[in-house]
mmCIF file of all heavy atoms, coordinates in Angstrom:
data_MODEL
# 
_entry.id   MODEL 
# 
loop_
_atom_site.group_PDB 
_atom_site.id 
_atom_site.type_symbol 
_atom_site.label_atom_id 
_atom_site.label_alt_id 
_atom_site.label_comp_id 
_atom_site.label_asym_id 
_atom_site.label_entity_id 
_atom_site.label_seq_id 
_atom_site.pdbx_PDB_ins_code 
_atom_site.Cartn_x 
_atom_site.Cartn_y 
_atom_site.Cartn_z 
_atom_site.occupancy 
_atom_site.B_iso_or_equiv 
_atom_site.pdbx_formal_charge 
_atom_site.auth_seq_id 
_atom_site.auth_comp_id 
_atom_site.auth_asym_id 
_atom_site.auth_atom_id 
_atom_site.pdbx_PDB_model_num 
ATOM 1   N N   . ARG A 1 1  ? 11.356  -0.415  -12.577 1.00 0.00 ? 1  ARG A N   1 
ATOM 2   C CA  . ARG A 1 1  ? 12.768  -0.661  -12.087 1.00 0.00 ? 1  ARG A CA  1 
ATOM 3   C C   . ARG A 1 1  ? 13.677  -0.852  -13.406 1.00 0.00 ? 1  ARG A C   1 
ATOM 4   O O   . ARG A 1 1  ? 14.756  -0.262  -13.468 1.00 0.00 ? 1  ARG A O   1 
ATOM 5   C CB  . ARG A 1 1  ? 12.819  -1.918  -11.243 1.00 0.00 ? 1  ARG A CB  1 
ATOM 6   C CG  . ARG A 1 1  ? 12.423  -1.641  -9.792  1.00 0.00 ? 1  ARG A CG  1 
ATOM 7   C CD  . ARG A 1 1  ? 12.680  -2.871  -8.903  1.00 0.00 ? 1  ARG A CD  1 
ATOM 8   N NE  . ARG A 1 1  ? 12.641  -2.538  -7.511  1.00 0.00 ? 1  ARG A NE  1 
ATOM 9   C CZ  . ARG A 1 1  ? 13.680  -2.024  -6.821  1.00 0.00 ? 1  ARG A CZ  1 
ATOM 10  N NH1 . ARG A 1 1  ? 14.807  -1.859  -7.457  1.00 0.00 ? 1  ARG A NH1 1 
ATOM 11  N NH2 . ARG A 1 1  ? 13.548  -1.730  -5.527  1.00 0.00 ? 1  ARG A NH2 1 
ATOM 12  N N   . GLY A 1 2  ? 13.266  -1.648  -14.262 1.00 0.00 ? 2  GLY A N   1 
ATOM 13  C CA  . GLY A 1 2  ? 14.020  -1.950  -15.475 1.00 0.00 ? 2  GLY A CA  1 
ATOM 14  C C   . GLY A 1 2  ? 14.374  -0.741  -16.271 1.00 0.00 ? 2  GLY A C   1 
ATOM 15  O O   . GLY A 1 2  ? 15.450  -0.465  -16.765 1.00 0.00 ? 2  GLY A O   1 
ATOM 16  N N   . HIS A 1 3  ? 13.295  0.057   -16.501 1.00 0.00 ? 3  HIS A N   1 
ATOM 17  C CA  . HIS A 1 3  ? 13.447  1.227   -17.368 1.00 0.00 ? 3  HIS A CA  1 
ATOM 18  C C   . HIS A 1 3  ? 14.001  2.482   -16.628 1.00 0.00 ? 3  HIS A C   1 
ATOM 19  O O   . HIS A 1 3  ? 14.272  3.515   -17.250 1.00 0.00 ? 3  HIS A O   1 
ATOM 20  C CB  . HIS A 1 3  ? 12.127  1.575   -18.002 1.00 0.00 ? 3  HIS A CB  1 
ATOM 21  C CG  . HIS A 1 3  ? 11.718  0.573   -19.043 1.00 0.00 ? 3  HIS A CG  1 
ATOM 22  N ND1 . HIS A 1 3  ? 12.288  0.539   -20.301 1.00 0.00 ? 3  HIS A ND1 1 
ATOM 23  C CD2 . HIS A 1 3  ? 10.739  -0.344  -19.052 1.00 0.00 ? 3  HIS A CD2 1 
ATOM 24  C CE1 . HIS A 1 3  ? 11.770  -0.432  -20.969 1.00 0.00 ? 3  HIS A CE1 1 
ATOM 25  N NE2 . HIS A 1 3  ? 10.818  -0.913  -20.309 1.00 0.00 ? 3  HIS A NE2 1 
ATOM 26  N N   . SER A 1 4  ? 14.288  2.353   -15.332 1.00 0.00 ? 4  SER A N   1 
ATOM 27  C CA  . SER A 1 4  ? 14.960  3.480   -14.670 1.00 0.00 ? 4  SER A CA  1 
ATOM 28  C C   . SER A 1 4  ? 16.370  3.005   -14.314 1.00 0.00 ? 4  SER A C   1 
ATOM 29  O O   . SER A 1 4  ? 17.117  3.799   -13.597 1.00 0.00 ? 4  SER A O   1 
ATOM 30  C CB  . SER A 1 4  ? 14.213  3.869   -13.437 1.00 0.00 ? 4  SER A CB  1 
ATOM 31  O OG  . SER A 1 4  ? 14.145  2.703   -12.473 1.00 0.00 ? 4  SER A OG  1 
ATOM 32  N N   . GLY A 1 5  ? 16.885  1.863   -14.817 1.00 0.00 ? 5  GLY A N   1 
ATOM 33  C CA  . GLY A 1 5  ? 18.169  1.385   -14.600 1.00 0.00 ? 5  GLY A CA  1 
ATOM 34  C C   . GLY A 1 5  ? 18.449  0.716   -13.205 1.00 0.00 ? 5  GLY A C   1 
ATOM 35  O O   . GLY A 1 5  ? 19.597  0.581   -12.844 1.00 0.00 ? 5  GLY A O   1 
ATOM 36  N N   . ARG A 1 6  ? 17.392  0.310   -12.598 1.00 0.00 ? 6  ARG A N   1 
ATOM 37  C CA  . ARG A 1 6  ? 17.566  -0.283  -11.217 1.00 0.00 ? 6  ARG A CA  1 
ATOM 38  C C   . ARG A 1 6  ? 17.517  -1.771  -11.357 1.00 0.00 ? 6  ARG A C   1 
ATOM 39  O O   . ARG A 1 6  ? 16.934  -2.336  -12.236 1.00 0.00 ? 6  ARG A O   1 
ATOM 40  C CB  . ARG A 1 6  ? 16.475  0.253   -10.303 1.00 0.00 ? 6  ARG A CB  1 
ATOM 41  C CG  . ARG A 1 6  ? 16.718  1.713   -9.927  1.00 0.00 ? 6  ARG A CG  1 
ATOM 42  C CD  . ARG A 1 6  ? 15.482  2.331   -9.148  1.00 0.00 ? 6  ARG A CD  1 
ATOM 43  N NE  . ARG A 1 6  ? 15.843  3.641   -8.631  1.00 0.00 ? 6  ARG A NE  1 
ATOM 44  C CZ  . ARG A 1 6  ? 15.899  4.765   -9.351  1.00 0.00 ? 6  ARG A CZ  1 
ATOM 45  N NH1 . ARG A 1 6  ? 15.643  4.745   -10.668 1.00 0.00 ? 6  ARG A NH1 1 
ATOM 46  N NH2 . ARG A 1 6  ? 16.289  5.913   -8.812  1.00 0.00 ? 6  ARG A NH2 1 
ATOM 47  N N   . PRO A 1 7  ? 18.036  -2.458  -10.316 1.00 0.00 ? 7  PRO A N   1 
ATOM 48  C CA  . PRO A 1 7  ? 18.013  -3.950  -10.292 1.00 0.00 ? 7  PRO A CA  1 
ATOM 49  C C   . PRO A 1 7  ? 16.640  -4.493  -10.176 1.00 0.00 ? 7  PRO A C   1 
ATOM 50  O O   . PRO A 1 7  ? 15.796  -3.887  -9.543  1.00 0.00 ? 7  PRO A O   1 
ATOM 51  C CB  . PRO A 1 7  ? 18.888  -4.329  -9.064  1.00 0.00 ? 7  PRO A CB  1 
ATOM 52  C CG  . PRO A 1 7  ? 18.846  -3.085  -8.179  1.00 0.00 ? 7  PRO A CG  1 
ATOM 53  C CD  . PRO A 1 7  ? 18.742  -2.000  -9.110  1.00 0.00 ? 7  PRO A CD  1 
ATOM 54  N N   . LEU A 1 8  ? 16.349  -5.621  -10.743 1.00 0.00 ? 8  LEU A N   1 
ATOM 55  C CA  . LEU A 1 8  ? 15.010  -6.230  -10.755 1.00 0.00 ? 8  LEU A CA  1 
ATOM 56  C C   . LEU A 1 8  ? 14.886  -7.067  -9.516  1.00 0.00 ? 8  LEU A C   1 
ATOM 57  O O   . LEU A 1 8  ? 14.954  -8.273  -9.465  1.00 0.00 ? 8  LEU A O   1 
ATOM 58  C CB  . LEU A 1 8  ? 14.862  -7.146  -12.002 1.00 0.00 ? 8  LEU A CB  1 
ATOM 59  C CG  . LEU A 1 8  ? 14.875  -6.370  -13.351 1.00 0.00 ? 8  LEU A CG  1 
ATOM 60  C CD1 . LEU A 1 8  ? 14.751  -7.368  -14.531 1.00 0.00 ? 8  LEU A CD1 1 
ATOM 61  C CD2 . LEU A 1 8  ? 13.848  -5.277  -13.357 1.00 0.00 ? 8  LEU A CD2 1 
ATOM 62  N N   . HIS A 1 9  ? 14.790  -6.357  -8.409  1.00 0.00 ? 9  HIS A N   1 
ATOM 63  C CA  . HIS A 1 9  ? 14.714  -7.056  -7.067  1.00 0.00 ? 9  HIS A CA  1 
ATOM 64  C C   . HIS A 1 9  ? 13.643  -6.288  -6.258  1.00 0.00 ? 9  HIS A C   1 
ATOM 65  O O   . HIS A 1 9  ? 13.694  -5.037  -6.082  1.00 0.00 ? 9  HIS A O   1 
ATOM 66  C CB  . HIS A 1 9  ? 16.067  -6.999  -6.334  1.00 0.00 ? 9  HIS A CB  1 
ATOM 67  C CG  . HIS A 1 9  ? 15.956  -7.454  -4.919  1.00 0.00 ? 9  HIS A CG  1 
ATOM 68  N ND1 . HIS A 1 9  ? 15.824  -8.750  -4.594  1.00 0.00 ? 9  HIS A ND1 1 
ATOM 69  C CD2 . HIS A 1 9  ? 16.002  -6.785  -3.759  1.00 0.00 ? 9  HIS A CD2 1 
ATOM 70  C CE1 . HIS A 1 9  ? 15.725  -8.875  -3.338  1.00 0.00 ? 9  HIS A CE1 1 
ATOM 71  N NE2 . HIS A 1 9  ? 15.896  -7.643  -2.755  1.00 0.00 ? 9  HIS A NE2 1 
ATOM 72  N N   . ALA A 1 10 ? 12.683  -7.013  -5.723  1.00 0.00 ? 10 ALA A N   1 
ATOM 73  C CA  . ALA A 1 10 ? 11.620  -6.384  -4.961  1.00 0.00 ? 10 ALA A CA  1 
ATOM 74  C C   . ALA A 1 10 ? 12.011  -6.128  -3.509  1.00 0.00 ? 10 ALA A C   1 
ATOM 75  O O   . ALA A 1 10 ? 12.577  -7.022  -2.866  1.00 0.00 ? 10 ALA A O   1 
ATOM 76  C CB  . ALA A 1 10 ? 10.358  -7.202  -5.023  1.00 0.00 ? 10 ALA A CB  1 
ATOM 77  N N   . SER A 1 11 ? 11.823  -4.901  -3.017  1.00 0.00 ? 11 SER A N   1 
ATOM 78  C CA  . SER A 1 11 ? 12.197  -4.559  -1.655  1.00 0.00 ? 11 SER A CA  1 
ATOM 79  C C   . SER A 1 11 ? 11.041  -5.075  -0.829  1.00 0.00 ? 11 SER A C   1 
ATOM 80  O O   . SER A 1 11 ? 10.027  -5.469  -1.198  1.00 0.00 ? 11 SER A O   1 
ATOM 81  C CB  . SER A 1 11 ? 12.363  -3.074  -1.493  1.00 0.00 ? 11 SER A CB  1 
ATOM 82  O OG  . SER A 1 11 ? 11.101  -2.360  -1.685  1.00 0.00 ? 11 SER A OG  1 
ATOM 83  N N   . SER A 1 12 ? 11.218  -4.828  0.563   1.00 0.00 ? 12 SER A N   1 
ATOM 84  C CA  . SER A 1 12 ? 10.249  -5.243  1.494   1.00 0.00 ? 12 SER A CA  1 
ATOM 85  C C   . SER A 1 12 ? 8.940   -4.446  1.371   1.00 0.00 ? 12 SER A C   1 
ATOM 86  O O   . SER A 1 12 ? 7.789   -4.967  1.454   1.00 0.00 ? 12 SER A O   1 
ATOM 87  C CB  . SER A 1 12 ? 10.666  -5.135  2.968   1.00 0.00 ? 12 SER A CB  1 
ATOM 88  O OG  . SER A 1 12 ? 11.120  -3.746  3.206   1.00 0.00 ? 12 SER A OG  1 
ATOM 89  N N   . ALA A 1 13 ? 9.051   -3.174  0.908   1.00 0.00 ? 13 ALA A N   1 
ATOM 90  C CA  . ALA A 1 13 ? 7.900   -2.314  0.678   1.00 0.00 ? 13 ALA A CA  1 
ATOM 91  C C   . ALA A 1 13 ? 7.090   -2.806  -0.485  1.00 0.00 ? 13 ALA A C   1 
ATOM 92  O O   . ALA A 1 13 ? 5.904   -2.910  -0.491  1.00 0.00 ? 13 ALA A O   1 
ATOM 93  C CB  . ALA A 1 13 ? 8.254   -0.859  0.546   1.00 0.00 ? 13 ALA A CB  1 
ATOM 94  N N   . GLU A 1 14 ? 7.778   -3.254  -1.510  1.00 0.00 ? 14 GLU A N   1 
ATOM 95  C CA  . GLU A 1 14 ? 7.096   -3.778  -2.756  1.00 0.00 ? 14 GLU A CA  1 
ATOM 96  C C   . GLU A 1 14 ? 6.444   -5.050  -2.435  1.00 0.00 ? 14 GLU A C   1 
ATOM 97  O O   . GLU A 1 14 ? 5.301   -5.378  -2.902  1.00 0.00 ? 14 GLU A O   1 
ATOM 98  C CB  . GLU A 1 14 ? 8.140   -3.840  -3.886  1.00 0.00 ? 14 GLU A CB  1 
ATOM 99  C CG  . GLU A 1 14 ? 8.630   -2.516  -4.429  1.00 0.00 ? 14 GLU A CG  1 
ATOM 100 C CD  . GLU A 1 14 ? 9.934   -2.568  -5.093  1.00 0.00 ? 14 GLU A CD  1 
ATOM 101 O OE1 . GLU A 1 14 ? 10.855  -3.152  -4.555  1.00 0.00 ? 14 GLU A OE1 1 
ATOM 102 O OE2 . GLU A 1 14 ? 9.996   -2.072  -6.266  1.00 0.00 ? 14 GLU A OE2 1 
ATOM 103 N N   . ILE A 1 15 ? 7.105   -5.890  -1.685  1.00 0.00 ? 15 ILE A N   1 
ATOM 104 C CA  . ILE A 1 15 ? 6.531   -7.228  -1.324  1.00 0.00 ? 15 ILE A CA  1 
ATOM 105 C C   . ILE A 1 15 ? 5.287   -6.953  -0.534  1.00 0.00 ? 15 ILE A C   1 
ATOM 106 O O   . ILE A 1 15 ? 4.285   -7.650  -0.683  1.00 0.00 ? 15 ILE A O   1 
ATOM 107 C CB  . ILE A 1 15 ? 7.531   -7.995  -0.577  1.00 0.00 ? 15 ILE A CB  1 
ATOM 108 C CG1 . ILE A 1 15 ? 8.754   -8.486  -1.435  1.00 0.00 ? 15 ILE A CG1 1 
ATOM 109 C CG2 . ILE A 1 15 ? 6.865   -9.326  0.025   1.00 0.00 ? 15 ILE A CG2 1 
ATOM 110 C CD1 . ILE A 1 15 ? 9.876   -9.068  -0.734  1.00 0.00 ? 15 ILE A CD1 1 
ATOM 111 N N   . ALA A 1 16 ? 5.276   -6.013  0.401   1.00 0.00 ? 16 ALA A N   1 
ATOM 112 C CA  . ALA A 1 16 ? 4.130   -5.641  1.146   1.00 0.00 ? 16 ALA A CA  1 
ATOM 113 C C   . ALA A 1 16 ? 3.016   -5.280  0.218   1.00 0.00 ? 16 ALA A C   1 
ATOM 114 O O   . ALA A 1 16 ? 1.806   -5.674  0.441   1.00 0.00 ? 16 ALA A O   1 
ATOM 115 C CB  . ALA A 1 16 ? 4.411   -4.632  2.200   1.00 0.00 ? 16 ALA A CB  1 
ATOM 116 N N   . ALA A 1 17 ? 3.277   -4.433  -0.845  1.00 0.00 ? 17 ALA A N   1 
ATOM 117 C CA  . ALA A 1 17 ? 2.223   -4.044  -1.703  1.00 0.00 ? 17 ALA A CA  1 
ATOM 118 C C   . ALA A 1 17 ? 1.713   -5.259  -2.502  1.00 0.00 ? 17 ALA A C   1 
ATOM 119 O O   . ALA A 1 17 ? 0.452   -5.308  -2.709  1.00 0.00 ? 17 ALA A O   1 
ATOM 120 C CB  . ALA A 1 17 ? 2.783   -3.038  -2.674  1.00 0.00 ? 17 ALA A CB  1 
ATOM 121 N N   . TYR A 1 18 ? 2.556   -6.212  -2.898  1.00 0.00 ? 18 TYR A N   1 
ATOM 122 C CA  . TYR A 1 18 ? 2.030   -7.388  -3.596  1.00 0.00 ? 18 TYR A CA  1 
ATOM 123 C C   . TYR A 1 18 ? 1.045   -8.087  -2.735  1.00 0.00 ? 18 TYR A C   1 
ATOM 124 O O   . TYR A 1 18 ? -0.036  -8.507  -3.192  1.00 0.00 ? 18 TYR A O   1 
ATOM 125 C CB  . TYR A 1 18 ? 3.243   -8.303  -3.846  1.00 0.00 ? 18 TYR A CB  1 
ATOM 126 C CG  . TYR A 1 18 ? 4.272   -7.753  -4.833  1.00 0.00 ? 18 TYR A CG  1 
ATOM 127 C CD1 . TYR A 1 18 ? 5.487   -8.444  -4.876  1.00 0.00 ? 18 TYR A CD1 1 
ATOM 128 C CD2 . TYR A 1 18 ? 4.076   -6.743  -5.622  1.00 0.00 ? 18 TYR A CD2 1 
ATOM 129 C CE1 . TYR A 1 18 ? 6.463   -7.996  -5.803  1.00 0.00 ? 18 TYR A CE1 1 
ATOM 130 C CE2 . TYR A 1 18 ? 5.062   -6.216  -6.448  1.00 0.00 ? 18 TYR A CE2 1 
ATOM 131 C CZ  . TYR A 1 18 ? 6.332   -6.882  -6.554  1.00 0.00 ? 18 TYR A CZ  1 
ATOM 132 O OH  . TYR A 1 18 ? 7.242   -6.411  -7.384  1.00 0.00 ? 18 TYR A OH  1 
ATOM 133 N N   . VAL A 1 19 ? 1.427   -8.373  -1.391  1.00 0.00 ? 19 VAL A N   1 
ATOM 134 C CA  . VAL A 1 19 ? 0.604   -9.116  -0.483  1.00 0.00 ? 19 VAL A CA  1 
ATOM 135 C C   . VAL A 1 19 ? -0.689  -8.379  -0.230  1.00 0.00 ? 19 VAL A C   1 
ATOM 136 O O   . VAL A 1 19 ? -1.802  -9.004  -0.292  1.00 0.00 ? 19 VAL A O   1 
ATOM 137 C CB  . VAL A 1 19 ? 1.340   -9.379  0.839   1.00 0.00 ? 19 VAL A CB  1 
ATOM 138 C CG1 . VAL A 1 19 ? 0.343   -9.981  1.829   1.00 0.00 ? 19 VAL A CG1 1 
ATOM 139 C CG2 . VAL A 1 19 ? 2.602   -10.287 0.585   1.00 0.00 ? 19 VAL A CG2 1 
ATOM 140 N N   . LEU A 1 20 ? -0.625  -7.105  -0.070  1.00 0.00 ? 20 LEU A N   1 
ATOM 141 C CA  . LEU A 1 20 ? -1.805  -6.281  0.283   1.00 0.00 ? 20 LEU A CA  1 
ATOM 142 C C   . LEU A 1 20 ? -2.907  -6.403  -0.898  1.00 0.00 ? 20 LEU A C   1 
ATOM 143 O O   . LEU A 1 20 ? -4.133  -6.552  -0.736  1.00 0.00 ? 20 LEU A O   1 
ATOM 144 C CB  . LEU A 1 20 ? -1.441  -4.864  0.454   1.00 0.00 ? 20 LEU A CB  1 
ATOM 145 C CG  . LEU A 1 20 ? -0.820  -4.577  1.781   1.00 0.00 ? 20 LEU A CG  1 
ATOM 146 C CD1 . LEU A 1 20 ? -0.252  -3.100  1.802   1.00 0.00 ? 20 LEU A CD1 1 
ATOM 147 C CD2 . LEU A 1 20 ? -1.742  -4.825  2.949   1.00 0.00 ? 20 LEU A CD2 1 
ATOM 148 N N   . VAL A 1 21 ? -2.404  -6.342  -2.234  1.00 0.00 ? 21 VAL A N   1 
ATOM 149 C CA  . VAL A 1 21 ? -3.303  -6.435  -3.332  1.00 0.00 ? 21 VAL A CA  1 
ATOM 150 C C   . VAL A 1 21 ? -4.024  -7.768  -3.296  1.00 0.00 ? 21 VAL A C   1 
ATOM 151 O O   . VAL A 1 21 ? -5.241  -7.887  -3.544  1.00 0.00 ? 21 VAL A O   1 
ATOM 152 C CB  . VAL A 1 21 ? -2.494  -6.141  -4.647  1.00 0.00 ? 21 VAL A CB  1 
ATOM 153 C CG1 . VAL A 1 21 ? -3.360  -6.658  -5.796  1.00 0.00 ? 21 VAL A CG1 1 
ATOM 154 C CG2 . VAL A 1 21 ? -2.173  -4.679  -4.830  1.00 0.00 ? 21 VAL A CG2 1 
ATOM 155 N N   . HIS A 1 22 ? -3.279  -8.848  -3.069  1.00 0.00 ? 22 HIS A N   1 
ATOM 156 C CA  . HIS A 1 22 ? -3.881  -10.093 -3.252  1.00 0.00 ? 22 HIS A CA  1 
ATOM 157 C C   . HIS A 1 22 ? -4.710  -10.532 -2.016  1.00 0.00 ? 22 HIS A C   1 
ATOM 158 O O   . HIS A 1 22 ? -5.774  -11.204 -2.172  1.00 0.00 ? 22 HIS A O   1 
ATOM 159 C CB  . HIS A 1 22 ? -2.747  -11.227 -3.420  1.00 0.00 ? 22 HIS A CB  1 
ATOM 160 C CG  . HIS A 1 22 ? -2.306  -11.215 -4.866  1.00 0.00 ? 22 HIS A CG  1 
ATOM 161 N ND1 . HIS A 1 22 ? -3.062  -11.688 -5.910  1.00 0.00 ? 22 HIS A ND1 1 
ATOM 162 C CD2 . HIS A 1 22 ? -1.149  -10.798 -5.420  1.00 0.00 ? 22 HIS A CD2 1 
ATOM 163 C CE1 . HIS A 1 22 ? -2.416  -11.596 -7.022  1.00 0.00 ? 22 HIS A CE1 1 
ATOM 164 N NE2 . HIS A 1 22 ? -1.280  -11.028 -6.826  1.00 0.00 ? 22 HIS A NE2 1 
ATOM 165 N N   . VAL A 1 23 ? -4.342  -10.115 -0.826  1.00 0.00 ? 23 VAL A N   1 
ATOM 166 C CA  . VAL A 1 23 ? -5.229  -10.299 0.352   1.00 0.00 ? 23 VAL A CA  1 
ATOM 167 C C   . VAL A 1 23 ? -6.482  -9.511  0.167   1.00 0.00 ? 23 VAL A C   1 
ATOM 168 O O   . VAL A 1 23 ? -7.587  -9.950  0.471   1.00 0.00 ? 23 VAL A O   1 
ATOM 169 C CB  . VAL A 1 23 ? -4.481  -9.913  1.589   1.00 0.00 ? 23 VAL A CB  1 
ATOM 170 C CG1 . VAL A 1 23 ? -5.470  -9.964  2.825   1.00 0.00 ? 23 VAL A CG1 1 
ATOM 171 C CG2 . VAL A 1 23 ? -3.293  -10.843 1.850   1.00 0.00 ? 23 VAL A CG2 1 
ATOM 172 N N   . GLY A 1 24 ? -6.348  -8.270  -0.413  1.00 0.00 ? 24 GLY A N   1 
ATOM 173 C CA  . GLY A 1 24 ? -7.565  -7.461  -0.629  1.00 0.00 ? 24 GLY A CA  1 
ATOM 174 C C   . GLY A 1 24 ? -8.474  -8.173  -1.640  1.00 0.00 ? 24 GLY A C   1 
ATOM 175 O O   . GLY A 1 24 ? -9.758  -8.132  -1.468  1.00 0.00 ? 24 GLY A O   1 
ATOM 176 N N   . ALA A 1 25 ? -7.923  -8.731  -2.678  1.00 0.00 ? 25 ALA A N   1 
ATOM 177 C CA  . ALA A 1 25 ? -8.702  -9.377  -3.678  1.00 0.00 ? 25 ALA A CA  1 
ATOM 178 C C   . ALA A 1 25 ? -9.367  -10.661 -3.071  1.00 0.00 ? 25 ALA A C   1 
ATOM 179 O O   . ALA A 1 25 ? -10.595 -10.830 -3.366  1.00 0.00 ? 25 ALA A O   1 
ATOM 180 C CB  . ALA A 1 25 ? -7.876  -9.782  -4.852  1.00 0.00 ? 25 ALA A CB  1 
ATOM 181 N N   . MET A 1 26 ? -8.695  -11.346 -2.281  1.00 0.00 ? 26 MET A N   1 
ATOM 182 C CA  . MET A 1 26 ? -9.265  -12.509 -1.648  1.00 0.00 ? 26 MET A CA  1 
ATOM 183 C C   . MET A 1 26 ? -10.420 -12.147 -0.722  1.00 0.00 ? 26 MET A C   1 
ATOM 184 O O   . MET A 1 26 ? -11.448 -12.832 -0.693  1.00 0.00 ? 26 MET A O   1 
ATOM 185 C CB  . MET A 1 26 ? -8.197  -13.357 -0.910  1.00 0.00 ? 26 MET A CB  1 
ATOM 186 C CG  . MET A 1 26 ? -7.257  -14.073 -1.763  1.00 0.00 ? 26 MET A CG  1 
ATOM 187 S SD  . MET A 1 26 ? -6.076  -15.180 -0.905  1.00 0.00 ? 26 MET A SD  1 
ATOM 188 C CE  . MET A 1 26 ? -4.975  -14.051 -0.225  1.00 0.00 ? 26 MET A CE  1 
ATOM 189 N N   . LEU A 1 27 ? -10.247 -11.113 0.023   1.00 0.00 ? 27 LEU A N   1 
ATOM 190 C CA  . LEU A 1 27 ? -11.294 -10.557 0.913   1.00 0.00 ? 27 LEU A CA  1 
ATOM 191 C C   . LEU A 1 27 ? -12.531 -10.181 0.116   1.00 0.00 ? 27 LEU A C   1 
ATOM 192 O O   . LEU A 1 27 ? -13.662 -10.428 0.494   1.00 0.00 ? 27 LEU A O   1 
ATOM 193 C CB  . LEU A 1 27 ? -10.783 -9.464  1.749   1.00 0.00 ? 27 LEU A CB  1 
ATOM 194 C CG  . LEU A 1 27 ? -9.820  -9.824  2.839   1.00 0.00 ? 27 LEU A CG  1 
ATOM 195 C CD1 . LEU A 1 27 ? -9.286  -8.555  3.535   1.00 0.00 ? 27 LEU A CD1 1 
ATOM 196 C CD2 . LEU A 1 27 ? -10.422 -10.746 3.903   1.00 0.00 ? 27 LEU A CD2 1 
ATOM 197 N N   . ARG A 1 28 ? -12.305 -9.492  -0.953  1.00 0.00 ? 28 ARG A N   1 
ATOM 198 C CA  . ARG A 1 28 ? -13.436 -8.983  -1.781  1.00 0.00 ? 28 ARG A CA  1 
ATOM 199 C C   . ARG A 1 28 ? -14.250 -10.095 -2.482  1.00 0.00 ? 28 ARG A C   1 
ATOM 200 O O   . ARG A 1 28 ? -15.393 -10.031 -2.689  1.00 0.00 ? 28 ARG A O   1 
ATOM 201 C CB  . ARG A 1 28 ? -12.901 -8.013  -2.837  1.00 0.00 ? 28 ARG A CB  1 
ATOM 202 C CG  . ARG A 1 28 ? -14.019 -7.336  -3.688  1.00 0.00 ? 28 ARG A CG  1 
ATOM 203 C CD  . ARG A 1 28 ? -14.813 -6.524  -2.774  1.00 0.00 ? 28 ARG A CD  1 
ATOM 204 N NE  . ARG A 1 28 ? -16.092 -5.940  -3.576  1.00 0.00 ? 28 ARG A NE  1 
ATOM 205 C CZ  . ARG A 1 28 ? -17.184 -6.610  -3.751  1.00 0.00 ? 28 ARG A CZ  1 
ATOM 206 N NH1 . ARG A 1 28 ? -17.377 -7.766  -3.209  1.00 0.00 ? 28 ARG A NH1 1 
ATOM 207 N NH2 . ARG A 1 28 ? -18.180 -6.083  -4.436  1.00 0.00 ? 28 ARG A NH2 1 
ATOM 208 N N   . VAL A 1 29 ? -13.540 -11.240 -2.849  1.00 0.00 ? 29 VAL A N   1 
ATOM 209 C CA  . VAL A 1 29 ? -14.096 -12.235 -3.622  1.00 0.00 ? 29 VAL A CA  1 
ATOM 210 C C   . VAL A 1 29 ? -14.684 -13.347 -2.669  1.00 0.00 ? 29 VAL A C   1 
ATOM 211 O O   . VAL A 1 29 ? -15.858 -13.725 -2.812  1.00 0.00 ? 29 VAL A O   1 
ATOM 212 C CB  . VAL A 1 29 ? -13.113 -12.865 -4.609  1.00 0.00 ? 29 VAL A CB  1 
ATOM 213 C CG1 . VAL A 1 29 ? -13.765 -14.077 -5.251  1.00 0.00 ? 29 VAL A CG1 1 
ATOM 214 C CG2 . VAL A 1 29 ? -12.711 -11.870 -5.649  1.00 0.00 ? 29 VAL A CG2 1 
ATOM 215 N N   . PHE A 1 30 ? -13.887 -13.790 -1.700  1.00 0.00 ? 30 PHE A N   1 
ATOM 216 C CA  . PHE A 1 30 ? -14.272 -15.008 -1.005  1.00 0.00 ? 30 PHE A CA  1 
ATOM 217 C C   . PHE A 1 30 ? -15.027 -14.711 0.290   1.00 0.00 ? 30 PHE A C   1 
ATOM 218 O O   . PHE A 1 30 ? -15.812 -15.604 0.653   1.00 0.00 ? 30 PHE A O   1 
ATOM 219 C CB  . PHE A 1 30 ? -13.009 -15.891 -0.692  1.00 0.00 ? 30 PHE A CB  1 
ATOM 220 C CG  . PHE A 1 30 ? -12.322 -16.289 -1.968  1.00 0.00 ? 30 PHE A CG  1 
ATOM 221 C CD1 . PHE A 1 30 ? -11.015 -16.004 -2.238  1.00 0.00 ? 30 PHE A CD1 1 
ATOM 222 C CD2 . PHE A 1 30 ? -13.048 -17.157 -2.845  1.00 0.00 ? 30 PHE A CD2 1 
ATOM 223 C CE1 . PHE A 1 30 ? -10.379 -16.463 -3.387  1.00 0.00 ? 30 PHE A CE1 1 
ATOM 224 C CE2 . PHE A 1 30 ? -12.414 -17.633 -4.013  1.00 0.00 ? 30 PHE A CE2 1 
ATOM 225 C CZ  . PHE A 1 30 ? -11.131 -17.247 -4.289  1.00 0.00 ? 30 PHE A CZ  1 
# 
């Protein structure tokens, strides 16, 4: 975002990706 001139703000799709990565990690570990 920063290097393409866009605002540093996460959209709902990006937030979904954040959550998916961490829930996936928790499932794999715990």
